[in-house]
Protein backbone atom coordinates (compact mmCIF):
# COMPACT_ATOMS: atom_id res chain seq x y z
CA UNK A 1 0.00 0.00 0.00
CA UNK A 2 2.72 2.38 0.93
CA UNK A 3 4.74 1.43 -2.17
CA UNK A 4 1.77 2.04 -4.56
CA UNK A 5 0.99 5.40 -3.00
CA UNK A 6 4.60 6.50 -3.38
CA UNK A 7 4.71 5.35 -7.02
CA UNK A 8 1.48 7.20 -7.90
CA UNK A 9 2.69 10.42 -6.31
CA UNK A 10 5.98 10.27 -8.18
CA UNK A 11 4.23 9.66 -11.53
CA UNK A 12 1.86 12.56 -11.03
CA UNK A 13 4.76 14.79 -10.18
CA UNK A 14 6.54 13.93 -13.47
CA UNK A 15 3.44 14.66 -15.57
CA UNK A 16 2.93 18.09 -14.01
CA UNK A 17 6.51 19.33 -14.51
CA UNK A 18 7.35 18.09 -18.04
CA UNK A 19 6.87 19.89 -21.44
CA UNK A 20 5.62 23.39 -22.46
CA UNK A 21 2.25 24.85 -21.73
CA UNK A 22 0.09 26.28 -24.51
CA UNK A 23 0.74 29.90 -23.45
CA UNK A 24 4.51 29.36 -23.36
CA UNK A 25 4.40 27.83 -26.83
CA UNK A 26 2.40 30.75 -28.26
CA UNK A 27 4.82 33.27 -26.73
CA UNK A 28 7.82 31.42 -28.20
CA UNK A 29 6.25 31.34 -31.66
CA UNK A 30 5.39 35.05 -31.44
CA UNK A 31 8.99 35.93 -30.55
CA UNK A 32 10.33 33.83 -33.43
CA UNK A 33 7.95 35.51 -35.90
CA UNK A 34 8.95 38.98 -34.65
CA UNK A 35 12.68 38.29 -34.94
CA UNK A 36 12.27 36.73 -38.40
CA UNK A 37 10.28 39.71 -39.71
CA UNK A 38 12.90 42.17 -38.42
CA UNK A 39 15.73 40.19 -40.05
CA UNK A 40 13.86 39.96 -43.37
CA UNK A 41 13.02 43.69 -43.46
CA UNK A 42 16.65 44.60 -42.75
CA UNK A 43 17.80 42.13 -45.39
CA UNK A 44 15.52 43.72 -48.02
CA UNK A 45 16.77 47.20 -47.14
CA UNK A 46 20.37 46.00 -47.40
CA UNK A 47 19.70 44.38 -50.78
CA UNK A 48 18.09 47.58 -52.11
CA UNK A 49 21.05 49.65 -50.96
CA UNK A 50 23.51 47.28 -52.65
CA UNK A 51 21.48 47.34 -55.90
CA UNK A 52 21.38 51.17 -55.87
CA UNK A 53 25.13 51.32 -55.42
CA UNK A 54 25.57 48.82 -58.24
CA UNK A 55 23.31 50.88 -60.55
CA UNK A 56 25.31 54.05 -59.85
CA UNK A 57 28.61 52.30 -60.58
CA UNK A 58 27.18 50.87 -63.79
CA UNK A 59 26.38 54.40 -65.02
CA UNK A 60 29.82 55.64 -63.96
CA UNK A 61 31.44 52.77 -65.84
CA UNK A 62 29.36 53.57 -68.93
CA UNK A 63 30.47 57.22 -68.72
CA UNK A 64 34.09 56.07 -68.58
CA UNK A 65 33.55 53.89 -71.64
CA UNK A 66 32.07 56.83 -73.57
CA UNK A 67 35.08 58.90 -72.56
CA UNK A 68 37.45 56.24 -73.86
CA UNK A 69 35.48 55.92 -77.11
CA UNK A 70 35.87 59.65 -77.71
CA UNK A 71 39.60 59.63 -77.08
CA UNK A 72 40.24 56.52 -79.18
CA UNK A 73 38.02 57.67 -82.11
CA UNK A 74 35.67 54.70 -82.24
CA UNK A 75 34.01 54.73 -85.66
CA UNK A 76 30.36 54.29 -86.57
CA UNK A 77 31.03 52.08 -89.63
CA UNK A 78 31.43 55.00 -92.03
CA UNK A 79 34.51 56.99 -93.10
CA UNK A 80 33.19 59.84 -90.92
CA UNK A 81 34.86 59.38 -87.55
CA UNK A 82 32.97 61.64 -85.20
CA UNK A 83 35.18 62.84 -82.40
CA UNK A 84 32.47 64.03 -80.00
CA UNK A 85 30.74 61.43 -77.83
CA UNK A 86 28.49 62.05 -74.88
CA UNK A 87 25.88 61.04 -72.35
CA UNK A 88 22.57 62.78 -71.83
CA UNK A 89 20.64 62.79 -68.54
CA UNK A 90 17.05 63.96 -68.03
CA UNK A 91 15.24 64.09 -64.68
CA UNK A 92 11.73 64.80 -66.03
CA UNK A 93 9.06 62.14 -65.53
CA UNK A 94 8.93 59.80 -68.49
CA UNK A 95 12.59 60.33 -69.32
CA UNK A 96 14.17 59.80 -65.90
CA UNK A 97 14.28 56.01 -66.15
CA UNK A 98 17.12 55.98 -68.68
CA UNK A 99 20.09 57.93 -70.05
CA UNK A 100 21.28 58.37 -73.61
CA UNK A 101 24.65 57.62 -75.18
CA UNK A 102 25.22 59.57 -78.38
CA UNK A 103 27.50 60.82 -81.14
CA UNK A 104 27.14 64.51 -81.79
CA UNK A 105 25.95 64.38 -85.41
CA UNK A 106 24.52 67.90 -85.21
CA UNK A 107 27.82 69.46 -84.07
CA UNK A 108 25.99 71.40 -81.36
CA UNK A 109 27.37 69.44 -78.38
CA UNK A 110 23.91 68.38 -77.24
CA UNK A 111 21.74 65.28 -77.58
CA UNK A 112 19.11 65.80 -80.31
CA UNK A 113 17.14 62.57 -80.36
CA UNK A 114 17.26 58.97 -81.49
CA UNK A 115 19.19 59.73 -84.69
CA UNK A 116 22.28 60.50 -82.57
CA UNK A 117 22.12 57.43 -80.33
CA UNK A 118 25.21 55.27 -80.32
CA UNK A 119 25.63 51.73 -79.02
CA UNK A 120 23.65 50.20 -76.19
CA UNK A 121 21.50 52.77 -74.42
CA UNK A 122 21.39 53.11 -70.65
CA UNK A 123 18.28 51.78 -68.95
CA UNK A 124 17.79 52.04 -65.20
CA UNK A 125 16.29 49.27 -63.09
CA UNK A 126 12.55 49.91 -62.59
CA UNK A 127 13.16 50.70 -58.91
CA UNK A 128 15.44 53.67 -59.68
CA UNK A 129 15.05 57.10 -61.30
CA UNK A 130 17.26 60.08 -62.12
CA UNK A 131 15.99 62.49 -59.48
CA UNK A 132 18.39 65.42 -59.65
CA UNK A 133 20.96 67.21 -61.82
CA UNK A 134 23.25 69.88 -60.38
CA UNK A 135 26.15 71.97 -61.61
CA UNK A 136 28.78 72.53 -58.94
CA UNK A 137 30.93 75.61 -58.43
CA UNK A 138 33.75 74.22 -56.35
CA UNK A 139 32.05 72.65 -53.35
CA UNK A 140 28.82 74.65 -53.62
CA UNK A 141 25.73 74.11 -55.76
CA UNK A 142 25.62 76.50 -58.70
CA UNK A 143 22.29 75.35 -60.17
CA UNK A 144 19.98 72.51 -59.15
CA UNK A 145 17.05 73.50 -61.38
CA UNK A 146 18.46 71.83 -64.50
CA UNK A 147 16.11 69.32 -66.14
CA UNK A 148 18.53 67.79 -68.61
CA UNK A 149 22.20 67.99 -69.47
CA UNK A 150 24.63 66.57 -72.02
CA UNK A 151 28.12 65.57 -70.96
CA UNK A 152 30.50 65.40 -73.92
CA UNK A 153 34.04 64.17 -74.43
CA UNK A 154 36.22 65.25 -77.33
CA UNK A 155 39.65 63.97 -78.31
CA UNK A 156 42.51 64.34 -77.62
CA UNK A 157 41.67 65.30 -74.00
CA UNK A 158 39.88 63.31 -71.30
CA UNK A 159 38.19 66.52 -70.13
CA UNK A 160 34.38 66.69 -69.89
CA UNK A 161 32.21 69.58 -71.06
CA UNK A 162 28.64 70.22 -69.94
CA UNK A 163 25.80 71.61 -72.06
CA UNK A 164 22.25 72.46 -70.96
CA UNK A 165 21.10 73.04 -74.55
CA UNK A 166 22.48 73.16 -78.12
CA UNK A 167 25.77 75.08 -77.94
CA UNK A 168 24.76 76.26 -74.42
CA UNK A 169 27.79 75.38 -72.34
CA UNK A 170 27.73 75.98 -68.60
CA UNK A 171 29.86 78.79 -67.25
CA UNK A 172 33.62 78.44 -66.84
CA UNK A 173 33.15 78.58 -63.07
CA UNK A 174 31.50 75.15 -63.05
CA UNK A 175 33.95 72.47 -61.99
CA UNK A 176 31.66 69.42 -62.00
CA UNK A 177 28.13 68.09 -62.27
CA UNK A 178 26.24 65.69 -60.00
CA UNK A 179 23.58 63.22 -61.11
CA UNK A 180 21.27 61.79 -58.41
CA UNK A 181 20.07 58.19 -58.77
CA UNK A 182 17.22 57.53 -56.31
CA UNK A 183 15.64 54.35 -55.01
CA UNK A 184 11.97 55.35 -55.09
CA UNK A 185 10.83 52.91 -52.39
CA UNK A 186 13.06 54.36 -49.66
CA UNK A 187 14.24 57.71 -51.06
CA UNK A 188 17.90 56.64 -50.76
CA UNK A 189 20.17 58.45 -53.23
CA UNK A 190 23.54 57.75 -54.82
CA UNK A 191 25.39 60.54 -56.63
CA UNK A 192 27.49 60.25 -59.79
CA UNK A 193 30.02 63.07 -60.04
CA UNK A 194 31.71 64.03 -63.30
CA UNK A 195 34.34 66.75 -63.14
CA UNK A 196 35.61 69.01 -65.91
CA UNK A 197 38.96 67.25 -65.72
CA UNK A 198 37.26 63.98 -66.67
CA UNK A 199 37.16 62.29 -63.31
CA UNK A 200 34.08 60.09 -62.77
CA UNK A 201 33.14 58.86 -59.31
CA UNK A 202 30.23 57.62 -57.19
CA UNK A 203 29.46 59.34 -53.90
C-alpha atoms as a PDB file:
ATOM      1  CA  UNK A   1       0.000   0.000   0.000  1.00  0.00           C
ATOM      2  CA  UNK A   2       2.716   2.376   0.926  1.00  0.00           C
ATOM      3  CA  UNK A   3       4.738   1.431  -2.175  1.00  0.00           C
ATOM      4  CA  UNK A   4       1.774   2.041  -4.562  1.00  0.00           C
ATOM      5  CA  UNK A   5       0.992   5.396  -2.999  1.00  0.00           C
ATOM      6  CA  UNK A   6       4.602   6.501  -3.385  1.00  0.00           C
ATOM      7  CA  UNK A   7       4.711   5.350  -7.018  1.00  0.00           C
ATOM      8  CA  UNK A   8       1.484   7.202  -7.898  1.00  0.00           C
ATOM      9  CA  UNK A   9       2.690  10.421  -6.305  1.00  0.00           C
ATOM     10  CA  UNK A  10       5.981  10.268  -8.178  1.00  0.00           C
ATOM     11  CA  UNK A  11       4.229   9.658 -11.526  1.00  0.00           C
ATOM     12  CA  UNK A  12       1.855  12.563 -11.026  1.00  0.00           C
ATOM     13  CA  UNK A  13       4.757  14.793 -10.183  1.00  0.00           C
ATOM     14  CA  UNK A  14       6.536  13.931 -13.468  1.00  0.00           C
ATOM     15  CA  UNK A  15       3.438  14.659 -15.566  1.00  0.00           C
ATOM     16  CA  UNK A  16       2.934  18.086 -14.008  1.00  0.00           C
ATOM     17  CA  UNK A  17       6.515  19.329 -14.511  1.00  0.00           C
ATOM     18  CA  UNK A  18       7.350  18.088 -18.039  1.00  0.00           C
ATOM     19  CA  UNK A  19       6.870  19.895 -21.438  1.00  0.00           C
ATOM     20  CA  UNK A  20       5.624  23.385 -22.456  1.00  0.00           C
ATOM     21  CA  UNK A  21       2.248  24.853 -21.730  1.00  0.00           C
ATOM     22  CA  UNK A  22       0.086  26.281 -24.510  1.00  0.00           C
ATOM     23  CA  UNK A  23       0.744  29.898 -23.452  1.00  0.00           C
ATOM     24  CA  UNK A  24       4.505  29.360 -23.365  1.00  0.00           C
ATOM     25  CA  UNK A  25       4.396  27.831 -26.832  1.00  0.00           C
ATOM     26  CA  UNK A  26       2.405  30.754 -28.260  1.00  0.00           C
ATOM     27  CA  UNK A  27       4.822  33.274 -26.732  1.00  0.00           C
ATOM     28  CA  UNK A  28       7.823  31.424 -28.195  1.00  0.00           C
ATOM     29  CA  UNK A  29       6.253  31.337 -31.660  1.00  0.00           C
ATOM     30  CA  UNK A  30       5.394  35.053 -31.442  1.00  0.00           C
ATOM     31  CA  UNK A  31       8.991  35.927 -30.551  1.00  0.00           C
ATOM     32  CA  UNK A  32      10.325  33.832 -33.426  1.00  0.00           C
ATOM     33  CA  UNK A  33       7.950  35.515 -35.902  1.00  0.00           C
ATOM     34  CA  UNK A  34       8.950  38.976 -34.652  1.00  0.00           C
ATOM     35  CA  UNK A  35      12.684  38.286 -34.935  1.00  0.00           C
ATOM     36  CA  UNK A  36      12.268  36.729 -38.404  1.00  0.00           C
ATOM     37  CA  UNK A  37      10.277  39.706 -39.713  1.00  0.00           C
ATOM     38  CA  UNK A  38      12.897  42.169 -38.422  1.00  0.00           C
ATOM     39  CA  UNK A  39      15.725  40.192 -40.046  1.00  0.00           C
ATOM     40  CA  UNK A  40      13.855  39.964 -43.373  1.00  0.00           C
ATOM     41  CA  UNK A  41      13.023  43.688 -43.462  1.00  0.00           C
ATOM     42  CA  UNK A  42      16.652  44.602 -42.747  1.00  0.00           C
ATOM     43  CA  UNK A  43      17.797  42.127 -45.388  1.00  0.00           C
ATOM     44  CA  UNK A  44      15.517  43.718 -48.023  1.00  0.00           C
ATOM     45  CA  UNK A  45      16.771  47.199 -47.135  1.00  0.00           C
ATOM     46  CA  UNK A  46      20.372  46.004 -47.405  1.00  0.00           C
ATOM     47  CA  UNK A  47      19.705  44.376 -50.778  1.00  0.00           C
ATOM     48  CA  UNK A  48      18.092  47.577 -52.113  1.00  0.00           C
ATOM     49  CA  UNK A  49      21.051  49.653 -50.959  1.00  0.00           C
ATOM     50  CA  UNK A  50      23.507  47.278 -52.651  1.00  0.00           C
ATOM     51  CA  UNK A  51      21.480  47.341 -55.896  1.00  0.00           C
ATOM     52  CA  UNK A  52      21.377  51.166 -55.869  1.00  0.00           C
ATOM     53  CA  UNK A  53      25.134  51.323 -55.422  1.00  0.00           C
ATOM     54  CA  UNK A  54      25.569  48.821 -58.240  1.00  0.00           C
ATOM     55  CA  UNK A  55      23.311  50.879 -60.550  1.00  0.00           C
ATOM     56  CA  UNK A  56      25.310  54.047 -59.849  1.00  0.00           C
ATOM     57  CA  UNK A  57      28.608  52.297 -60.576  1.00  0.00           C
ATOM     58  CA  UNK A  58      27.176  50.870 -63.785  1.00  0.00           C
ATOM     59  CA  UNK A  59      26.380  54.399 -65.017  1.00  0.00           C
ATOM     60  CA  UNK A  60      29.818  55.644 -63.959  1.00  0.00           C
ATOM     61  CA  UNK A  61      31.438  52.772 -65.843  1.00  0.00           C
ATOM     62  CA  UNK A  62      29.359  53.574 -68.932  1.00  0.00           C
ATOM     63  CA  UNK A  63      30.469  57.221 -68.718  1.00  0.00           C
ATOM     64  CA  UNK A  64      34.095  56.072 -68.579  1.00  0.00           C
ATOM     65  CA  UNK A  65      33.548  53.889 -71.644  1.00  0.00           C
ATOM     66  CA  UNK A  66      32.067  56.827 -73.568  1.00  0.00           C
ATOM     67  CA  UNK A  67      35.080  58.903 -72.560  1.00  0.00           C
ATOM     68  CA  UNK A  68      37.454  56.237 -73.861  1.00  0.00           C
ATOM     69  CA  UNK A  69      35.477  55.920 -77.113  1.00  0.00           C
ATOM     70  CA  UNK A  70      35.869  59.647 -77.711  1.00  0.00           C
ATOM     71  CA  UNK A  71      39.604  59.634 -77.076  1.00  0.00           C
ATOM     72  CA  UNK A  72      40.240  56.520 -79.180  1.00  0.00           C
ATOM     73  CA  UNK A  73      38.021  57.675 -82.111  1.00  0.00           C
ATOM     74  CA  UNK A  74      35.675  54.701 -82.243  1.00  0.00           C
ATOM     75  CA  UNK A  75      34.009  54.733 -85.655  1.00  0.00           C
ATOM     76  CA  UNK A  76      30.362  54.286 -86.568  1.00  0.00           C
ATOM     77  CA  UNK A  77      31.029  52.075 -89.629  1.00  0.00           C
ATOM     78  CA  UNK A  78      31.427  54.996 -92.029  1.00  0.00           C
ATOM     79  CA  UNK A  79      34.505  56.987 -93.105  1.00  0.00           C
ATOM     80  CA  UNK A  80      33.186  59.835 -90.924  1.00  0.00           C
ATOM     81  CA  UNK A  81      34.860  59.384 -87.547  1.00  0.00           C
ATOM     82  CA  UNK A  82      32.971  61.639 -85.199  1.00  0.00           C
ATOM     83  CA  UNK A  83      35.182  62.841 -82.402  1.00  0.00           C
ATOM     84  CA  UNK A  84      32.467  64.035 -79.998  1.00  0.00           C
ATOM     85  CA  UNK A  85      30.738  61.430 -77.831  1.00  0.00           C
ATOM     86  CA  UNK A  86      28.488  62.048 -74.882  1.00  0.00           C
ATOM     87  CA  UNK A  87      25.882  61.042 -72.349  1.00  0.00           C
ATOM     88  CA  UNK A  88      22.575  62.780 -71.830  1.00  0.00           C
ATOM     89  CA  UNK A  89      20.643  62.792 -68.539  1.00  0.00           C
ATOM     90  CA  UNK A  90      17.051  63.957 -68.034  1.00  0.00           C
ATOM     91  CA  UNK A  91      15.238  64.094 -64.675  1.00  0.00           C
ATOM     92  CA  UNK A  92      11.731  64.799 -66.026  1.00  0.00           C
ATOM     93  CA  UNK A  93       9.057  62.138 -65.525  1.00  0.00           C
ATOM     94  CA  UNK A  94       8.929  59.799 -68.487  1.00  0.00           C
ATOM     95  CA  UNK A  95      12.590  60.334 -69.322  1.00  0.00           C
ATOM     96  CA  UNK A  96      14.169  59.801 -65.899  1.00  0.00           C
ATOM     97  CA  UNK A  97      14.277  56.009 -66.149  1.00  0.00           C
ATOM     98  CA  UNK A  98      17.122  55.980 -68.681  1.00  0.00           C
ATOM     99  CA  UNK A  99      20.087  57.934 -70.045  1.00  0.00           C
ATOM    100  CA  UNK A 100      21.284  58.366 -73.611  1.00  0.00           C
ATOM    101  CA  UNK A 101      24.645  57.619 -75.180  1.00  0.00           C
ATOM    102  CA  UNK A 102      25.222  59.571 -78.376  1.00  0.00           C
ATOM    103  CA  UNK A 103      27.503  60.815 -81.138  1.00  0.00           C
ATOM    104  CA  UNK A 104      27.144  64.505 -81.793  1.00  0.00           C
ATOM    105  CA  UNK A 105      25.947  64.378 -85.411  1.00  0.00           C
ATOM    106  CA  UNK A 106      24.522  67.899 -85.207  1.00  0.00           C
ATOM    107  CA  UNK A 107      27.821  69.460 -84.073  1.00  0.00           C
ATOM    108  CA  UNK A 108      25.991  71.402 -81.359  1.00  0.00           C
ATOM    109  CA  UNK A 109      27.372  69.444 -78.382  1.00  0.00           C
ATOM    110  CA  UNK A 110      23.906  68.383 -77.236  1.00  0.00           C
ATOM    111  CA  UNK A 111      21.740  65.282 -77.583  1.00  0.00           C
ATOM    112  CA  UNK A 112      19.113  65.799 -80.314  1.00  0.00           C
ATOM    113  CA  UNK A 113      17.140  62.572 -80.365  1.00  0.00           C
ATOM    114  CA  UNK A 114      17.263  58.966 -81.491  1.00  0.00           C
ATOM    115  CA  UNK A 115      19.191  59.733 -84.689  1.00  0.00           C
ATOM    116  CA  UNK A 116      22.285  60.498 -82.573  1.00  0.00           C
ATOM    117  CA  UNK A 117      22.124  57.435 -80.333  1.00  0.00           C
ATOM    118  CA  UNK A 118      25.215  55.270 -80.323  1.00  0.00           C
ATOM    119  CA  UNK A 119      25.627  51.734 -79.020  1.00  0.00           C
ATOM    120  CA  UNK A 120      23.647  50.197 -76.190  1.00  0.00           C
ATOM    121  CA  UNK A 121      21.505  52.771 -74.416  1.00  0.00           C
ATOM    122  CA  UNK A 122      21.392  53.114 -70.653  1.00  0.00           C
ATOM    123  CA  UNK A 123      18.277  51.781 -68.954  1.00  0.00           C
ATOM    124  CA  UNK A 124      17.791  52.037 -65.202  1.00  0.00           C
ATOM    125  CA  UNK A 125      16.294  49.271 -63.088  1.00  0.00           C
ATOM    126  CA  UNK A 126      12.554  49.911 -62.595  1.00  0.00           C
ATOM    127  CA  UNK A 127      13.164  50.700 -58.911  1.00  0.00           C
ATOM    128  CA  UNK A 128      15.437  53.666 -59.678  1.00  0.00           C
ATOM    129  CA  UNK A 129      15.053  57.096 -61.297  1.00  0.00           C
ATOM    130  CA  UNK A 130      17.265  60.076 -62.120  1.00  0.00           C
ATOM    131  CA  UNK A 131      15.990  62.490 -59.481  1.00  0.00           C
ATOM    132  CA  UNK A 132      18.393  65.422 -59.648  1.00  0.00           C
ATOM    133  CA  UNK A 133      20.960  67.206 -61.815  1.00  0.00           C
ATOM    134  CA  UNK A 134      23.254  69.878 -60.383  1.00  0.00           C
ATOM    135  CA  UNK A 135      26.151  71.965 -61.608  1.00  0.00           C
ATOM    136  CA  UNK A 136      28.779  72.526 -58.939  1.00  0.00           C
ATOM    137  CA  UNK A 137      30.929  75.612 -58.430  1.00  0.00           C
ATOM    138  CA  UNK A 138      33.753  74.221 -56.348  1.00  0.00           C
ATOM    139  CA  UNK A 139      32.047  72.650 -53.348  1.00  0.00           C
ATOM    140  CA  UNK A 140      28.817  74.648 -53.617  1.00  0.00           C
ATOM    141  CA  UNK A 141      25.729  74.106 -55.763  1.00  0.00           C
ATOM    142  CA  UNK A 142      25.621  76.499 -58.702  1.00  0.00           C
ATOM    143  CA  UNK A 143      22.292  75.355 -60.174  1.00  0.00           C
ATOM    144  CA  UNK A 144      19.979  72.511 -59.150  1.00  0.00           C
ATOM    145  CA  UNK A 145      17.050  73.497 -61.377  1.00  0.00           C
ATOM    146  CA  UNK A 146      18.458  71.833 -64.497  1.00  0.00           C
ATOM    147  CA  UNK A 147      16.106  69.323 -66.139  1.00  0.00           C
ATOM    148  CA  UNK A 148      18.531  67.787 -68.612  1.00  0.00           C
ATOM    149  CA  UNK A 149      22.199  67.991 -69.470  1.00  0.00           C
ATOM    150  CA  UNK A 150      24.625  66.569 -72.024  1.00  0.00           C
ATOM    151  CA  UNK A 151      28.119  65.565 -70.956  1.00  0.00           C
ATOM    152  CA  UNK A 152      30.495  65.395 -73.919  1.00  0.00           C
ATOM    153  CA  UNK A 153      34.042  64.169 -74.428  1.00  0.00           C
ATOM    154  CA  UNK A 154      36.223  65.250 -77.332  1.00  0.00           C
ATOM    155  CA  UNK A 155      39.650  63.974 -78.307  1.00  0.00           C
ATOM    156  CA  UNK A 156      42.506  64.340 -77.616  1.00  0.00           C
ATOM    157  CA  UNK A 157      41.669  65.296 -74.005  1.00  0.00           C
ATOM    158  CA  UNK A 158      39.878  63.315 -71.299  1.00  0.00           C
ATOM    159  CA  UNK A 159      38.190  66.524 -70.129  1.00  0.00           C
ATOM    160  CA  UNK A 160      34.383  66.687 -69.888  1.00  0.00           C
ATOM    161  CA  UNK A 161      32.209  69.581 -71.061  1.00  0.00           C
ATOM    162  CA  UNK A 162      28.639  70.223 -69.942  1.00  0.00           C
ATOM    163  CA  UNK A 163      25.801  71.607 -72.062  1.00  0.00           C
ATOM    164  CA  UNK A 164      22.249  72.460 -70.962  1.00  0.00           C
ATOM    165  CA  UNK A 165      21.103  73.036 -74.552  1.00  0.00           C
ATOM    166  CA  UNK A 166      22.475  73.163 -78.118  1.00  0.00           C
ATOM    167  CA  UNK A 167      25.772  75.082 -77.940  1.00  0.00           C
ATOM    168  CA  UNK A 168      24.761  76.259 -74.423  1.00  0.00           C
ATOM    169  CA  UNK A 169      27.786  75.380 -72.338  1.00  0.00           C
ATOM    170  CA  UNK A 170      27.731  75.976 -68.596  1.00  0.00           C
ATOM    171  CA  UNK A 171      29.865  78.794 -67.251  1.00  0.00           C
ATOM    172  CA  UNK A 172      33.616  78.437 -66.840  1.00  0.00           C
ATOM    173  CA  UNK A 173      33.148  78.585 -63.065  1.00  0.00           C
ATOM    174  CA  UNK A 174      31.499  75.148 -63.050  1.00  0.00           C
ATOM    175  CA  UNK A 175      33.948  72.468 -61.986  1.00  0.00           C
ATOM    176  CA  UNK A 176      31.660  69.418 -62.000  1.00  0.00           C
ATOM    177  CA  UNK A 177      28.127  68.091 -62.269  1.00  0.00           C
ATOM    178  CA  UNK A 178      26.244  65.691 -60.004  1.00  0.00           C
ATOM    179  CA  UNK A 179      23.578  63.224 -61.113  1.00  0.00           C
ATOM    180  CA  UNK A 180      21.272  61.788 -58.415  1.00  0.00           C
ATOM    181  CA  UNK A 181      20.065  58.193 -58.768  1.00  0.00           C
ATOM    182  CA  UNK A 182      17.216  57.532 -56.312  1.00  0.00           C
ATOM    183  CA  UNK A 183      15.641  54.353 -55.006  1.00  0.00           C
ATOM    184  CA  UNK A 184      11.970  55.349 -55.085  1.00  0.00           C
ATOM    185  CA  UNK A 185      10.825  52.909 -52.393  1.00  0.00           C
ATOM    186  CA  UNK A 186      13.057  54.363 -49.664  1.00  0.00           C
ATOM    187  CA  UNK A 187      14.240  57.707 -51.059  1.00  0.00           C
ATOM    188  CA  UNK A 188      17.895  56.640 -50.760  1.00  0.00           C
ATOM    189  CA  UNK A 189      20.170  58.446 -53.232  1.00  0.00           C
ATOM    190  CA  UNK A 190      23.541  57.745 -54.818  1.00  0.00           C
ATOM    191  CA  UNK A 191      25.390  60.541 -56.634  1.00  0.00           C
ATOM    192  CA  UNK A 192      27.486  60.250 -59.787  1.00  0.00           C
ATOM    193  CA  UNK A 193      30.017  63.071 -60.040  1.00  0.00           C
ATOM    194  CA  UNK A 194      31.712  64.029 -63.300  1.00  0.00           C
ATOM    195  CA  UNK A 195      34.344  66.747 -63.139  1.00  0.00           C
ATOM    196  CA  UNK A 196      35.608  69.009 -65.909  1.00  0.00           C
ATOM    197  CA  UNK A 197      38.959  67.254 -65.721  1.00  0.00           C
ATOM    198  CA  UNK A 198      37.261  63.985 -66.671  1.00  0.00           C
ATOM    199  CA  UNK A 199      37.164  62.287 -63.308  1.00  0.00           C
ATOM    200  CA  UNK A 200      34.083  60.092 -62.767  1.00  0.00           C
ATOM    201  CA  UNK A 201      33.136  58.863 -59.309  1.00  0.00           C
ATOM    202  CA  UNK A 202      30.228  57.615 -57.194  1.00  0.00           C
ATOM    203  CA  UNK A 203      29.457  59.344 -53.902  1.00  0.00           C
END
